[in-house]
Amino acid sequence: MASCWVIGRKTTLAGNGHEVLSQPFIVFETEDEADAACDMVERVSGERPMKAEAALYRCFVNPVP
């Protein structure tokens, strides 16, 4: 199973205080791409998105001929 990196707004759950990613979120193939996007969002909005590693599940990629 392949992995990817997801960034999005950080939300704290009221019930248990855990921080989670809320929608909308953006998926990147590499951590470097996700870091660059986090940097850009922070420069523009002043808020740094949360970043998490995730697994690509049942993902189909068209092969290049």
PDB file of N, CA and C in Angstrom:
ATOM      1  N   MET A   1       0.850  -1.166   0.000  1.00  0.00           N
ATOM      2  CA  MET A   1       0.000   0.000   0.000  1.00  0.00           C
ATOM      3  C   MET A   1       0.902   1.238   0.000  1.00  0.00           C
ATOM      4  N   ALA A   2       0.611   2.173  -0.842  1.00  0.00           N
ATOM      5  CA  ALA A   2       1.406   3.392  -0.975  1.00  0.00           C
ATOM      6  C   ALA A   2       0.939   4.435   0.042  1.00  0.00           C
ATOM      7  N   SER A   3       1.819   5.398   0.316  1.00  0.00           N
ATOM      8  CA  SER A   3       1.440   6.460   1.249  1.00  0.00           C
ATOM      9  C   SER A   3       1.384   7.791   0.523  1.00  0.00           C
ATOM     10  N   CYS A   4       0.741   8.738   1.156  1.00  0.00           N
ATOM     11  CA  CYS A   4       0.622  10.093   0.634  1.00  0.00           C
ATOM     12  C   CYS A   4       0.625  11.027   1.841  1.00  0.00           C
ATOM     13  N   TRP A   5       0.588  12.322   1.585  1.00  0.00           N
ATOM     14  CA  TRP A   5       0.566  13.325   2.645  1.00  0.00           C
ATOM     15  C   TRP A   5      -0.657  14.202   2.480  1.00  0.00           C
ATOM     16  N   VAL A   6      -1.356  14.484   3.570  1.00  0.00           N
ATOM     17  CA  VAL A   6      -2.602  15.241   3.553  1.00  0.00           C
ATOM     18  C   VAL A   6      -2.414  16.480   4.419  1.00  0.00           C
ATOM     19  N   ILE A   7      -2.857  17.628   3.911  1.00  0.00           N
ATOM     20  CA  ILE A   7      -2.848  18.859   4.719  1.00  0.00           C
ATOM     21  C   ILE A   7      -4.269  19.398   4.777  1.00  0.00           C
ATOM     22  N   GLY A   8      -4.581  20.072   5.873  1.00  0.00           N
ATOM     23  CA  GLY A   8      -5.897  20.660   6.032  1.00  0.00           C
ATOM     24  C   GLY A   8      -5.975  21.466   7.315  1.00  0.00           C
ATOM     25  N   ARG A   9      -7.135  22.016   7.557  1.00  0.00           N
ATOM     26  CA  ARG A   9      -7.361  22.826   8.751  1.00  0.00           C
ATOM     27  C   ARG A   9      -7.366  21.930   9.984  1.00  0.00           C
ATOM     28  N   LYS A  10      -6.688  22.397  11.031  1.00  0.00           N
ATOM     29  CA  LYS A  10      -6.623  21.650  12.285  1.00  0.00           C
ATOM     30  C   LYS A  10      -7.874  21.959  13.109  1.00  0.00           C
ATOM     31  N   THR A  11      -8.560  20.909  13.554  1.00  0.00           N
ATOM     32  CA  THR A  11      -9.757  21.052  14.373  1.00  0.00           C
ATOM     33  C   THR A  11      -9.576  20.259  15.657  1.00  0.00           C
ATOM     34  N   THR A  12     -10.022  20.805  16.770  1.00  0.00           N
ATOM     35  CA  THR A  12      -9.954  20.096  18.039  1.00  0.00           C
ATOM     36  C   THR A  12     -11.334  19.543  18.373  1.00  0.00           C
ATOM     37  N   LEU A  13     -11.390  18.236  18.627  1.00  0.00           N
ATOM     38  CA  LEU A  13     -12.654  17.593  18.979  1.00  0.00           C
ATOM     39  C   LEU A  13     -13.044  17.983  20.404  1.00  0.00           C
ATOM     40  N   ALA A  14     -14.288  18.424  20.576  1.00  0.00           N
ATOM     41  CA  ALA A  14     -14.747  18.881  21.885  1.00  0.00           C
ATOM     42  C   ALA A  14     -14.815  17.740  22.898  1.00  0.00           C
ATOM     43  N   GLY A  15     -15.154  16.556  22.443  1.00  0.00           N
ATOM     44  CA  GLY A  15     -15.333  15.436  23.362  1.00  0.00           C
ATOM     45  C   GLY A  15     -14.074  14.954  24.039  1.00  0.00           C
ATOM     46  N   ASN A  16     -12.950  14.931  23.290  1.00  0.00           N
ATOM     47  CA  ASN A  16     -11.730  14.371  23.875  1.00  0.00           C
ATOM     48  C   ASN A  16     -10.492  15.254  23.702  1.00  0.00           C
ATOM     49  N   GLY A  17     -10.621  16.381  23.014  1.00  0.00           N
ATOM     50  CA  GLY A  17      -9.513  17.310  22.860  1.00  0.00           C
ATOM     51  C   GLY A  17      -8.479  16.923  21.817  1.00  0.00           C
ATOM     52  N   HIS A  18      -8.721  15.842  21.061  1.00  0.00           N
ATOM     53  CA  HIS A  18      -7.773  15.425  20.025  1.00  0.00           C
ATOM     54  C   HIS A  18      -7.821  16.389  18.840  1.00  0.00           C
ATOM     55  N   GLU A  19      -6.652  16.617  18.236  1.00  0.00           N
ATOM     56  CA  GLU A  19      -6.588  17.447  17.039  1.00  0.00           C
ATOM     57  C   GLU A  19      -6.668  16.555  15.813  1.00  0.00           C
ATOM     58  N   VAL A  20      -7.533  16.916  14.878  1.00  0.00           N
ATOM     59  CA  VAL A  20      -7.739  16.136  13.657  1.00  0.00           C
ATOM     60  C   VAL A  20      -7.767  17.070  12.459  1.00  0.00           C
ATOM     61  N   LEU A  21      -7.636  16.494  11.258  1.00  0.00           N
ATOM     62  CA  LEU A  21      -7.786  17.256  10.015  1.00  0.00           C
ATOM     63  C   LEU A  21      -9.260  17.349   9.676  1.00  0.00           C
ATOM     64  N   SER A  22      -9.709  18.546   9.339  1.00  0.00           N
ATOM     65  CA  SER A  22     -11.096  18.687   8.898  1.00  0.00           C
ATOM     66  C   SER A  22     -11.115  19.032   7.415  1.00  0.00           C
ATOM     67  N   GLN A  23     -12.238  18.846   6.793  1.00  0.00           N
ATOM     68  CA  GLN A  23     -12.366  19.143   5.369  1.00  0.00           C
ATOM     69  C   GLN A  23     -12.464  20.650   5.196  1.00  0.00           C
ATOM     70  N   PRO A  24     -12.069  21.201   4.085  1.00  0.00           N
ATOM     71  CA  PRO A  24     -11.451  20.523   2.949  1.00  0.00           C
ATOM     72  C   PRO A  24      -9.981  20.217   3.222  1.00  0.00           C
ATOM     73  N   PHE A  25      -9.491  19.182   2.613  1.00  0.00           N
ATOM     74  CA  PHE A  25      -8.090  18.838   2.741  1.00  0.00           C
ATOM     75  C   PHE A  25      -7.515  18.567   1.362  1.00  0.00           C
ATOM     76  N   ILE A  26      -6.183  18.601   1.253  1.00  0.00           N
ATOM     77  CA  ILE A  26      -5.491  18.420  -0.025  1.00  0.00           C
ATOM     78  C   ILE A  26      -4.483  17.292   0.147  1.00  0.00           C
ATOM     79  N   VAL A  27      -4.387  16.434  -0.867  1.00  0.00           N
ATOM     80  CA  VAL A  27      -3.498  15.273  -0.821  1.00  0.00           C
ATOM     81  C   VAL A  27      -2.307  15.503  -1.747  1.00  0.00           C
ATOM     82  N   PHE A  28      -1.107  15.166  -1.250  1.00  0.00           N
ATOM     83  CA  PHE A  28       0.131  15.300  -2.017  1.00  0.00           C
ATOM     84  C   PHE A  28       0.858  13.966  -2.058  1.00  0.00           C
ATOM     85  N   GLU A  29       1.622  13.752  -3.120  1.00  0.00           N
ATOM     86  CA  GLU A  29       2.370  12.506  -3.274  1.00  0.00           C
ATOM     87  C   GLU A  29       3.578  12.440  -2.360  1.00  0.00           C
ATOM     88  N   THR A  30       4.233  13.577  -2.102  1.00  0.00           N
ATOM     89  CA  THR A  30       5.454  13.571  -1.300  1.00  0.00           C
ATOM     90  C   THR A  30       5.328  14.539  -0.123  1.00  0.00           C
ATOM     91  N   GLU A  31       6.141  14.296   0.902  1.00  0.00           N
ATOM     92  CA  GLU A  31       6.145  15.177   2.061  1.00  0.00           C
ATOM     93  C   GLU A  31       6.700  16.548   1.700  1.00  0.00           C
ATOM     94  N   ASP A  32       7.661  16.598   0.781  1.00  0.00           N
ATOM     95  CA  ASP A  32       8.220  17.890   0.355  1.00  0.00           C
ATOM     96  C   ASP A  32       7.155  18.775  -0.277  1.00  0.00           C
ATOM     97  N   GLU A  33       6.289  18.187  -1.108  1.00  0.00           N
ATOM     98  CA  GLU A  33       5.196  18.957  -1.726  1.00  0.00           C
ATOM     99  C   GLU A  33       4.235  19.463  -0.660  1.00  0.00           C
ATOM    100  N   ALA A  34       3.930  18.624   0.316  1.00  0.00           N
ATOM    101  CA  ALA A  34       3.024  19.030   1.394  1.00  0.00           C
ATOM    102  C   ALA A  34       3.639  20.144   2.232  1.00  0.00           C
ATOM    103  N   ASP A  35       4.931  20.029   2.532  1.00  0.00           N
ATOM    104  CA  ASP A  35       5.611  21.079   3.293  1.00  0.00           C
ATOM    105  C   ASP A  35       5.601  22.413   2.549  1.00  0.00           C
ATOM    106  N   ALA A  36       5.855  22.374   1.242  1.00  0.00           N
ATOM    107  CA  ALA A  36       5.840  23.597   0.434  1.00  0.00           C
ATOM    108  C   ALA A  36       4.449  24.232   0.447  1.00  0.00           C
ATOM    109  N   ALA A  37       3.418  23.412   0.353  1.00  0.00           N
ATOM    110  CA  ALA A  37       2.056  23.935   0.386  1.00  0.00           C
ATOM    111  C   ALA A  37       1.733  24.531   1.759  1.00  0.00           C
ATOM    112  N   CYS A  38       2.171  23.880   2.836  1.00  0.00           N
ATOM    113  CA  CYS A  38       1.959  24.415   4.189  1.00  0.00           C
ATOM    114  C   CYS A  38       2.646  25.772   4.341  1.00  0.00           C
ATOM    115  N   ASP A  39       3.870  25.879   3.820  1.00  0.00           N
ATOM    116  CA  ASP A  39       4.601  27.143   3.873  1.00  0.00           C
ATOM    117  C   ASP A  39       3.852  28.246   3.141  1.00  0.00           C
ATOM    118  N   MET A  40       3.325  27.927   1.961  1.00  0.00           N
ATOM    119  CA  MET A  40       2.597  28.913   1.165  1.00  0.00           C
ATOM    120  C   MET A  40       1.322  29.364   1.892  1.00  0.00           C
ATOM    121  N   VAL A  41       0.572  28.427   2.449  1.00  0.00           N
ATOM    122  CA  VAL A  41      -0.653  28.775   3.167  1.00  0.00           C
ATOM    123  C   VAL A  41      -0.323  29.648   4.374  1.00  0.00           C
ATOM    124  N   GLU A  42       0.742  29.313   5.077  1.00  0.00           N
ATOM    125  CA  GLU A  42       1.131  30.103   6.248  1.00  0.00           C
ATOM    126  C   GLU A  42       1.550  31.523   5.855  1.00  0.00           C
ATOM    127  N   ARG A  43       2.272  31.663   4.731  1.00  0.00           N
ATOM    128  CA  ARG A  43       2.664  33.005   4.270  1.00  0.00           C
ATOM    129  C   ARG A  43       1.445  33.838   3.907  1.00  0.00           C
ATOM    130  N   VAL A  44       0.452  33.219   3.284  1.00  0.00           N
ATOM    131  CA  VAL A  44      -0.723  33.961   2.812  1.00  0.00           C
ATOM    132  C   VAL A  44      -1.706  34.252   3.938  1.00  0.00           C
ATOM    133  N   SER A  45      -2.006  33.231   4.769  1.00  0.00           N
ATOM    134  CA  SER A  45      -3.064  33.383   5.769  1.00  0.00           C
ATOM    135  C   SER A  45      -2.568  33.583   7.194  1.00  0.00           C
ATOM    136  N   GLY A  46      -1.294  33.269   7.439  1.00  0.00           N
ATOM    137  CA  GLY A  46      -0.785  33.349   8.798  1.00  0.00           C
ATOM    138  C   GLY A  46      -1.111  32.121   9.630  1.00  0.00           C
ATOM    139  N   GLU A  47      -1.846  31.193   9.070  1.00  0.00           N
ATOM    140  CA  GLU A  47      -2.228  29.963   9.769  1.00  0.00           C
ATOM    141  C   GLU A  47      -1.537  28.773   9.108  1.00  0.00           C
ATOM    142  N   ARG A  48      -0.872  27.925   9.889  1.00  0.00           N
ATOM    143  CA  ARG A  48      -0.189  26.757   9.337  1.00  0.00           C
ATOM    144  C   ARG A  48      -1.129  25.565   9.386  1.00  0.00           C
ATOM    145  N   PRO A  49      -1.367  24.929   8.219  1.00  0.00           N
ATOM    146  CA  PRO A  49      -2.239  23.759   8.207  1.00  0.00           C
ATOM    147  C   PRO A  49      -1.601  22.575   8.931  1.00  0.00           C
ATOM    148  N   MET A  50      -2.430  21.636   9.313  1.00  0.00           N
ATOM    149  CA  MET A  50      -1.967  20.385   9.905  1.00  0.00           C
ATOM    150  C   MET A  50      -1.563  19.455   8.763  1.00  0.00           C
ATOM    151  N   LYS A  51      -0.509  18.667   8.970  1.00  0.00           N
ATOM    152  CA  LYS A  51      -0.025  17.735   7.952  1.00  0.00           C
ATOM    153  C   LYS A  51      -0.005  16.338   8.560  1.00  0.00           C
ATOM    154  N   ALA A  52      -0.461  15.339   7.798  1.00  0.00           N
ATOM    155  CA  ALA A  52      -0.451  13.968   8.288  1.00  0.00           C
ATOM    156  C   ALA A  52      -0.150  13.010   7.146  1.00  0.00           C
ATOM    157  N   GLU A  53       0.542  11.928   7.487  1.00  0.00           N
ATOM    158  CA  GLU A  53       0.786  10.871   6.500  1.00  0.00           C
ATOM    159  C   GLU A  53      -0.454   9.993   6.445  1.00  0.00           C
ATOM    160  N   ALA A  54      -0.796   9.555   5.250  1.00  0.00           N
ATOM    161  CA  ALA A  54      -1.979   8.721   5.056  1.00  0.00           C
ATOM    162  C   ALA A  54      -1.648   7.613   4.056  1.00  0.00           C
ATOM    163  N   ALA A  55      -2.541   6.668   3.928  1.00  0.00           N
ATOM    164  CA  ALA A  55      -2.350   5.557   3.003  1.00  0.00           C
ATOM    165  C   ALA A  55      -3.302   5.699   1.828  1.00  0.00           C
ATOM    166  N   LEU A  56      -2.796   5.413   0.648  1.00  0.00           N
ATOM    167  CA  LEU A  56      -3.658   5.374  -0.530  1.00  0.00           C
ATOM    168  C   LEU A  56      -4.357   4.012  -0.526  1.00  0.00           C
ATOM    169  N   TYR A  57      -5.654   4.015  -0.441  1.00  0.00           N
ATOM    170  CA  TYR A  57      -6.426   2.782  -0.347  1.00  0.00           C
ATOM    171  C   TYR A  57      -7.333   2.664  -1.554  1.00  0.00           C
ATOM    172  N   ARG A  58      -7.217   1.572  -2.268  1.00  0.00           N
ATOM    173  CA  ARG A  58      -8.010   1.341  -3.484  1.00  0.00           C
ATOM    174  C   ARG A  58      -7.859   2.481  -4.480  1.00  0.00           C
ATOM    175  N   CYS A  59      -6.640   2.919  -4.650  1.00  0.00           N
ATOM    176  CA  CYS A  59      -6.344   4.020  -5.568  1.00  0.00           C
ATOM    177  C   CYS A  59      -5.853   3.441  -6.884  1.00  0.00           C
ATOM    178  N   PHE A  60      -6.438   3.857  -7.966  1.00  0.00           N
ATOM    179  CA  PHE A  60      -6.032   3.396  -9.288  1.00  0.00           C
ATOM    180  C   PHE A  60      -5.349   4.530 -10.023  1.00  0.00           C
ATOM    181  N   VAL A  61      -4.180   4.275 -10.510  1.00  0.00           N
ATOM    182  CA  VAL A  61      -3.435   5.274 -11.273  1.00  0.00           C
ATOM    183  C   VAL A  61      -3.272   4.754 -12.688  1.00  0.00           C
ATOM    184  N   ASN A  62      -3.632   5.548 -13.678  1.00  0.00           N
ATOM    185  CA  ASN A  62      -3.482   5.134 -15.074  1.00  0.00           C
ATOM    186  C   ASN A  62      -2.012   5.080 -15.439  1.00  0.00           C
ATOM    187  N   PRO A  63      -1.548   3.940 -15.929  1.00  0.00           N
ATOM    188  CA  PRO A  63      -0.149   3.877 -16.352  1.00  0.00           C
ATOM    189  C   PRO A  63       0.098   4.705 -17.608  1.00  0.00           C
ATOM    190  N   VAL A  64       1.269   5.281 -17.689  1.00  0.00           N
ATOM    191  CA  VAL A  64       1.640   6.060 -18.863  1.00  0.00           C
ATOM    192  C   VAL A  64       2.216   5.098 -19.892  1.00  0.00           C
ATOM    193  N   PRO A  65       1.679   5.110 -21.127  1.00  0.00           N
ATOM    194  CA  PRO A  65       2.172   4.165 -22.137  1.00  0.00           C
ATOM    195  C   PRO A  65       3.587   4.484 -22.592  1.00  0.00           C
TER     196      PRO A  65
END
